Amino acid sequence: MSGRIEKRNSRFINLTLWALTIFVLLPFIWLIRQAGPQYILSTRFVFMNQNGIVLAWLKNSLLFSLTALGFSVISSVAAGFVLAILQIPLRKFILFVTLVTMLIPITAMALPLYVLVDQVHLTDNIWGLIIASSYYPFGTFLSYLYFVSAMPGDLIGMGRIDGLGDWGLFWHLGIPLSRSLWSVVIFFSFLNLWNSYQLPKVLLNDPRHYTLPMGLELLYGSGTAIVGVLMLIPILGVYLLSQKAIERGIFSGAVTG
């Protein structure tokens, strides 16, 4: 009797997973269908149309996403390590501010960020967008939680006995123990930056400085599906590179929980 119930539950779970998979893939299938069978030729046409502005958007997106990714990942992981391991003044207050900032939507922070970028005369400039997007509070909070559980007090004490300072703890213990963390933070940070729309909409005015998500608005009805498929490719690539680390983090959390 119990075997029959388990078999029925297994079938139900498999059907549910297949239904959810098909539901998730429907937008991607629609994009491929809209792009048409002549995808390569259509992509070339879209790139060459309007003096190659789509190619300029692609370059801007890559420059913005990769540069801001480097700044945000390094700063968030290092900040999470400091908040979790080092005894700094106002640590709880900084952690509280980080958590609150993580909960504030980007639309509410767009105007203050615009004022700050305008003060350094970097409005309508891709570097102003990079500076405004380099702070990643979710990565900081995630790194804090990871280092709290991955580096117990005994391990830190042993490092201190071996003569490691604050930088030595981060370089010799923190980085080797947090390889999976780096992959997860890189994936989510890249996903956030690559799909960013609200902040570039506020900071950028010249269409030549637009990123691909902003360019989709101008291309509505003419190459939108092609650019949409193009935007999915880097995300899939980064996910495939980070897949093992993401799965390792999920299963380790399930085991320890």
Protein backbone atom coordinates (compact mmCIF):
# COMPACT_ATOMS: atom_id res chain seq x y z
CA MET A 1 0.00 0.00 0.00
CA SER A 2 2.76 2.41 0.94
CA GLY A 3 4.64 1.56 -2.28
CA ARG A 4 1.56 2.40 -4.33
CA ILE A 5 1.20 5.75 -2.55
CA GLU A 6 4.88 6.58 -3.12
CA LYS A 7 4.56 5.71 -6.80
CA ARG A 8 1.50 7.95 -7.11
CA ASN A 9 3.28 10.81 -5.36
CA SER A 10 6.30 10.35 -7.62
CA ARG A 11 4.11 10.59 -10.72
CA PHE A 12 2.40 13.70 -9.37
CA ILE A 13 5.76 15.36 -8.62
CA ASN A 14 7.11 14.51 -12.08
CA LEU A 15 4.00 15.86 -13.81
CA THR A 16 4.17 19.03 -11.74
CA LEU A 17 7.84 19.58 -12.55
CA TRP A 18 7.26 18.99 -16.26
CA ALA A 19 4.31 21.42 -16.24
CA LEU A 20 6.38 24.09 -14.51
CA THR A 21 9.27 23.50 -16.92
CA ILE A 22 7.00 23.97 -19.95
CA PHE A 23 5.47 27.06 -18.37
CA VAL A 24 8.91 28.60 -17.78
CA LEU A 25 10.07 27.77 -21.32
CA LEU A 26 7.02 29.30 -23.03
CA PRO A 27 8.45 32.88 -23.21
CA PHE A 28 11.72 31.55 -24.62
CA ILE A 29 9.87 29.45 -27.22
CA TRP A 30 7.82 32.50 -28.17
CA LEU A 31 11.01 34.56 -28.64
CA ILE A 32 12.54 31.88 -30.88
CA ARG A 33 9.33 31.67 -32.91
CA GLN A 34 9.10 35.44 -33.30
CA ALA A 35 12.75 35.64 -34.36
CA GLY A 36 11.98 33.20 -37.16
CA PRO A 37 14.02 30.46 -38.82
CA GLN A 38 16.33 32.99 -40.49
CA TYR A 39 17.69 34.02 -37.09
CA ILE A 40 21.29 34.60 -38.20
CA LEU A 41 20.29 36.74 -41.18
CA SER A 42 17.76 38.64 -39.07
CA THR A 43 20.36 39.29 -36.38
CA ARG A 44 22.75 40.68 -38.97
CA PHE A 45 19.99 42.94 -40.31
CA VAL A 46 19.13 44.26 -36.83
CA PHE A 47 22.81 44.94 -36.06
CA MET A 48 23.32 46.85 -39.30
CA ASN A 49 20.04 48.76 -39.03
CA GLN A 50 20.07 52.39 -37.81
CA ASN A 51 23.84 52.75 -38.22
CA GLY A 52 24.60 49.77 -36.01
CA ILE A 53 23.01 51.22 -32.87
CA VAL A 54 22.09 47.73 -31.58
CA LEU A 55 25.76 46.80 -31.68
CA ALA A 56 26.52 49.95 -29.66
CA TRP A 57 23.90 48.90 -27.12
CA LEU A 58 25.48 45.46 -26.88
CA LYS A 59 28.92 46.98 -26.25
CA ASN A 60 27.46 49.31 -23.61
CA SER A 61 25.70 46.40 -21.89
CA LEU A 62 28.86 44.30 -21.81
CA LEU A 63 31.01 47.18 -20.55
CA PHE A 64 28.46 48.16 -17.91
CA SER A 65 27.64 44.63 -16.73
CA LEU A 66 31.18 43.25 -16.56
CA THR A 67 32.77 46.34 -15.00
CA ALA A 68 30.04 46.85 -12.42
CA LEU A 69 30.09 43.08 -11.79
CA GLY A 70 33.75 43.19 -10.82
CA PHE A 71 33.24 46.12 -8.46
CA SER A 72 30.04 44.78 -6.89
CA VAL A 73 31.25 41.20 -6.34
CA ILE A 74 34.61 42.14 -4.82
CA SER A 75 33.14 44.84 -2.60
CA SER A 76 30.14 42.78 -1.44
CA VAL A 77 32.13 39.64 -0.58
CA ALA A 78 34.80 41.68 1.22
CA ALA A 79 32.14 43.67 3.10
CA GLY A 80 30.33 40.49 4.09
CA PHE A 81 33.59 39.04 5.42
CA VAL A 82 34.30 42.17 7.45
CA LEU A 83 30.80 42.25 8.95
CA ALA A 84 30.88 38.54 9.81
CA ILE A 85 34.43 38.07 11.10
CA LEU A 86 35.99 41.35 12.21
CA GLN A 87 34.98 43.27 15.29
CA ILE A 88 34.42 46.72 13.79
CA PRO A 89 32.55 49.66 15.34
CA LEU A 90 28.83 49.94 14.53
CA ARG A 91 28.81 46.51 12.92
CA LYS A 92 25.18 45.77 13.80
CA PHE A 93 24.09 49.19 12.59
CA ILE A 94 25.91 48.75 9.26
CA LEU A 95 24.36 45.31 8.87
CA PHE A 96 20.92 46.78 9.60
CA VAL A 97 21.42 49.54 7.02
CA THR A 98 22.56 46.93 4.48
CA LEU A 99 19.44 44.86 5.10
CA VAL A 100 17.16 47.91 4.81
CA THR A 101 18.89 49.04 1.61
CA MET A 102 18.41 45.58 0.15
CA LEU A 103 14.65 45.87 0.72
CA ILE A 104 14.29 49.31 -0.88
CA PRO A 105 13.27 49.05 -4.57
CA ILE A 106 15.58 50.61 -7.13
CA THR A 107 12.80 52.96 -8.27
CA ALA A 108 12.88 54.64 -4.85
CA MET A 109 16.67 55.04 -5.00
CA ALA A 110 16.84 56.29 -8.59
CA LEU A 111 16.46 59.98 -7.77
CA PRO A 112 19.06 60.09 -4.94
CA LEU A 113 21.51 58.17 -7.12
CA TYR A 114 20.88 60.60 -9.97
CA VAL A 115 21.69 63.54 -7.68
CA LEU A 116 24.93 61.87 -6.54
CA VAL A 117 26.01 61.04 -10.09
CA ASP A 118 25.12 64.55 -11.24
CA GLN A 119 27.39 66.04 -8.58
CA VAL A 120 30.39 64.27 -10.13
CA HIS A 121 29.23 65.27 -13.65
CA LEU A 122 28.74 61.71 -14.90
CA THR A 123 25.09 61.84 -15.98
CA ASP A 124 24.41 60.39 -19.42
CA ASN A 125 27.69 58.52 -19.08
CA ILE A 126 28.15 54.76 -18.85
CA TRP A 127 30.73 55.20 -16.06
CA GLY A 128 28.23 57.10 -13.95
CA LEU A 129 25.86 54.15 -14.36
CA ILE A 130 28.65 51.75 -13.37
CA ILE A 131 29.41 53.71 -10.18
CA ALA A 132 25.73 53.92 -9.21
CA SER A 133 25.21 50.18 -9.79
CA SER A 134 28.34 48.85 -8.06
CA TYR A 135 26.77 48.69 -4.60
CA TYR A 136 25.14 45.26 -4.17
CA PRO A 137 23.56 44.93 -0.70
CA PHE A 138 22.09 41.49 -1.41
CA GLY A 139 25.58 40.14 -2.14
CA THR A 140 26.88 41.73 1.06
CA PHE A 141 24.16 40.19 3.20
CA LEU A 142 24.52 36.80 1.50
CA SER A 143 28.29 36.89 2.05
CA TYR A 144 27.74 37.81 5.70
CA LEU A 145 25.49 34.78 6.24
CA TYR A 146 27.95 32.51 4.45
CA PHE A 147 31.03 33.57 6.41
CA VAL A 148 29.18 33.39 9.73
CA SER A 149 28.49 29.69 9.12
CA ALA A 150 31.64 28.76 7.17
CA MET A 151 34.25 30.32 9.49
CA PRO A 152 33.64 29.41 13.14
CA GLY A 153 35.48 31.12 15.97
CA ASP A 154 37.89 28.20 16.47
CA LEU A 155 39.10 28.49 12.87
CA ILE A 156 39.62 32.23 13.22
CA GLY A 157 41.47 31.68 16.50
CA MET A 158 43.80 29.17 14.86
CA GLY A 159 44.47 31.66 12.10
CA ARG A 160 45.32 34.33 14.64
CA ILE A 161 47.70 31.93 16.40
CA ASP A 162 49.45 31.35 13.07
CA GLY A 163 50.03 35.08 12.81
CA LEU A 164 47.35 35.98 10.30
CA GLY A 165 46.04 39.51 10.42
CA ASP A 166 42.72 40.74 9.06
CA TRP A 167 43.91 40.67 5.45
CA GLY A 168 45.60 37.29 5.99
CA LEU A 169 42.35 35.79 7.29
CA PHE A 170 40.50 36.98 4.22
CA TRP A 171 43.20 35.95 1.74
CA HIS A 172 44.26 32.59 3.21
CA LEU A 173 40.98 31.43 4.78
CA GLY A 174 38.08 33.48 3.50
CA ILE A 175 38.72 33.24 -0.23
CA PRO A 176 39.60 29.49 -0.35
CA LEU A 177 36.51 28.62 1.72
CA SER A 178 34.13 30.79 -0.30
CA ARG A 179 34.57 29.62 -3.88
CA SER A 180 30.95 28.54 -4.14
CA LEU A 181 29.89 31.87 -2.63
CA TRP A 182 31.76 33.79 -5.32
CA SER A 183 29.99 31.84 -8.05
CA VAL A 184 26.56 32.45 -6.55
CA VAL A 185 27.18 36.18 -6.01
CA ILE A 186 28.56 36.52 -9.55
CA PHE A 187 25.48 34.86 -11.03
CA PHE A 188 22.90 36.93 -9.16
CA SER A 189 24.85 40.16 -9.57
CA PHE A 190 25.25 39.62 -13.32
CA LEU A 191 21.57 38.76 -13.65
CA ASN A 192 20.65 41.98 -11.85
CA LEU A 193 23.04 44.16 -13.89
CA TRP A 194 22.37 42.64 -17.31
CA ASN A 195 18.60 43.11 -16.93
CA SER A 196 18.86 46.53 -15.30
CA TYR A 197 16.35 49.00 -16.73
CA GLN A 198 15.12 51.54 -14.18
CA LEU A 199 18.47 53.09 -13.25
CA PRO A 200 19.81 53.35 -16.83
CA LYS A 201 16.48 54.92 -17.80
CA VAL A 202 17.08 57.69 -15.27
CA LEU A 203 20.82 58.24 -15.82
CA LEU A 204 21.13 57.86 -19.60
CA ASN A 205 19.59 60.20 -22.18
CA ASP A 206 21.50 59.72 -25.43
CA PRO A 207 20.28 56.63 -27.37
CA ARG A 208 23.91 55.87 -28.27
CA HIS A 209 24.59 55.30 -24.55
CA TYR A 210 21.63 52.96 -24.01
CA THR A 211 21.94 49.35 -22.88
CA LEU A 212 20.07 46.45 -24.47
CA PRO A 213 17.09 46.47 -22.05
CA MET A 214 16.52 50.15 -22.83
CA GLY A 215 17.00 49.55 -26.54
CA LEU A 216 14.18 47.00 -26.54
CA GLU A 217 11.77 49.86 -25.94
CA LEU A 218 12.91 51.64 -29.12
CA LEU A 219 12.91 48.44 -31.16
CA TYR A 220 9.35 47.46 -30.27
CA GLY A 221 7.90 45.63 -33.25
CA SER A 222 11.18 45.60 -35.20
CA GLY A 223 13.75 43.11 -33.99
CA THR A 224 12.50 42.94 -30.40
CA ALA A 225 12.45 39.14 -30.33
CA ILE A 226 15.94 38.92 -31.81
CA VAL A 227 17.42 41.23 -29.17
CA GLY A 228 15.45 39.34 -26.51
CA VAL A 229 17.04 36.05 -27.55
CA LEU A 230 20.42 37.77 -27.63
CA MET A 231 19.93 38.95 -24.04
CA LEU A 232 19.22 35.40 -22.88
CA ILE A 233 22.49 33.94 -24.18
CA PRO A 234 24.89 35.57 -21.62
CA ILE A 235 22.52 34.72 -18.76
CA LEU A 236 22.42 31.06 -19.79
CA GLY A 237 26.21 31.04 -20.14
CA VAL A 238 26.81 32.50 -16.68
CA TYR A 239 24.28 30.09 -15.17
CA LEU A 240 25.96 27.07 -16.75
CA LEU A 241 29.31 28.21 -15.36
CA SER A 242 27.83 28.77 -11.88
CA GLN A 243 25.45 25.81 -11.89
CA LYS A 244 27.56 23.45 -9.78
CA ALA A 245 28.21 26.10 -7.13
CA ILE A 246 24.51 27.04 -6.96
CA GLU A 247 23.45 23.40 -6.60
CA ARG A 248 26.16 22.79 -4.00
CA GLY A 249 24.88 25.73 -1.96
CA ILE A 250 21.27 24.55 -2.18
CA PHE A 251 22.05 20.96 -1.17
CA SER A 252 24.43 22.00 1.62
CA GLY A 253 21.72 24.25 3.02
CA ALA A 254 19.23 21.40 2.86
CA VAL A 255 21.61 19.03 4.65
CA THR A 256 22.58 21.46 7.41
CA GLY A 257 19.00 22.62 7.83
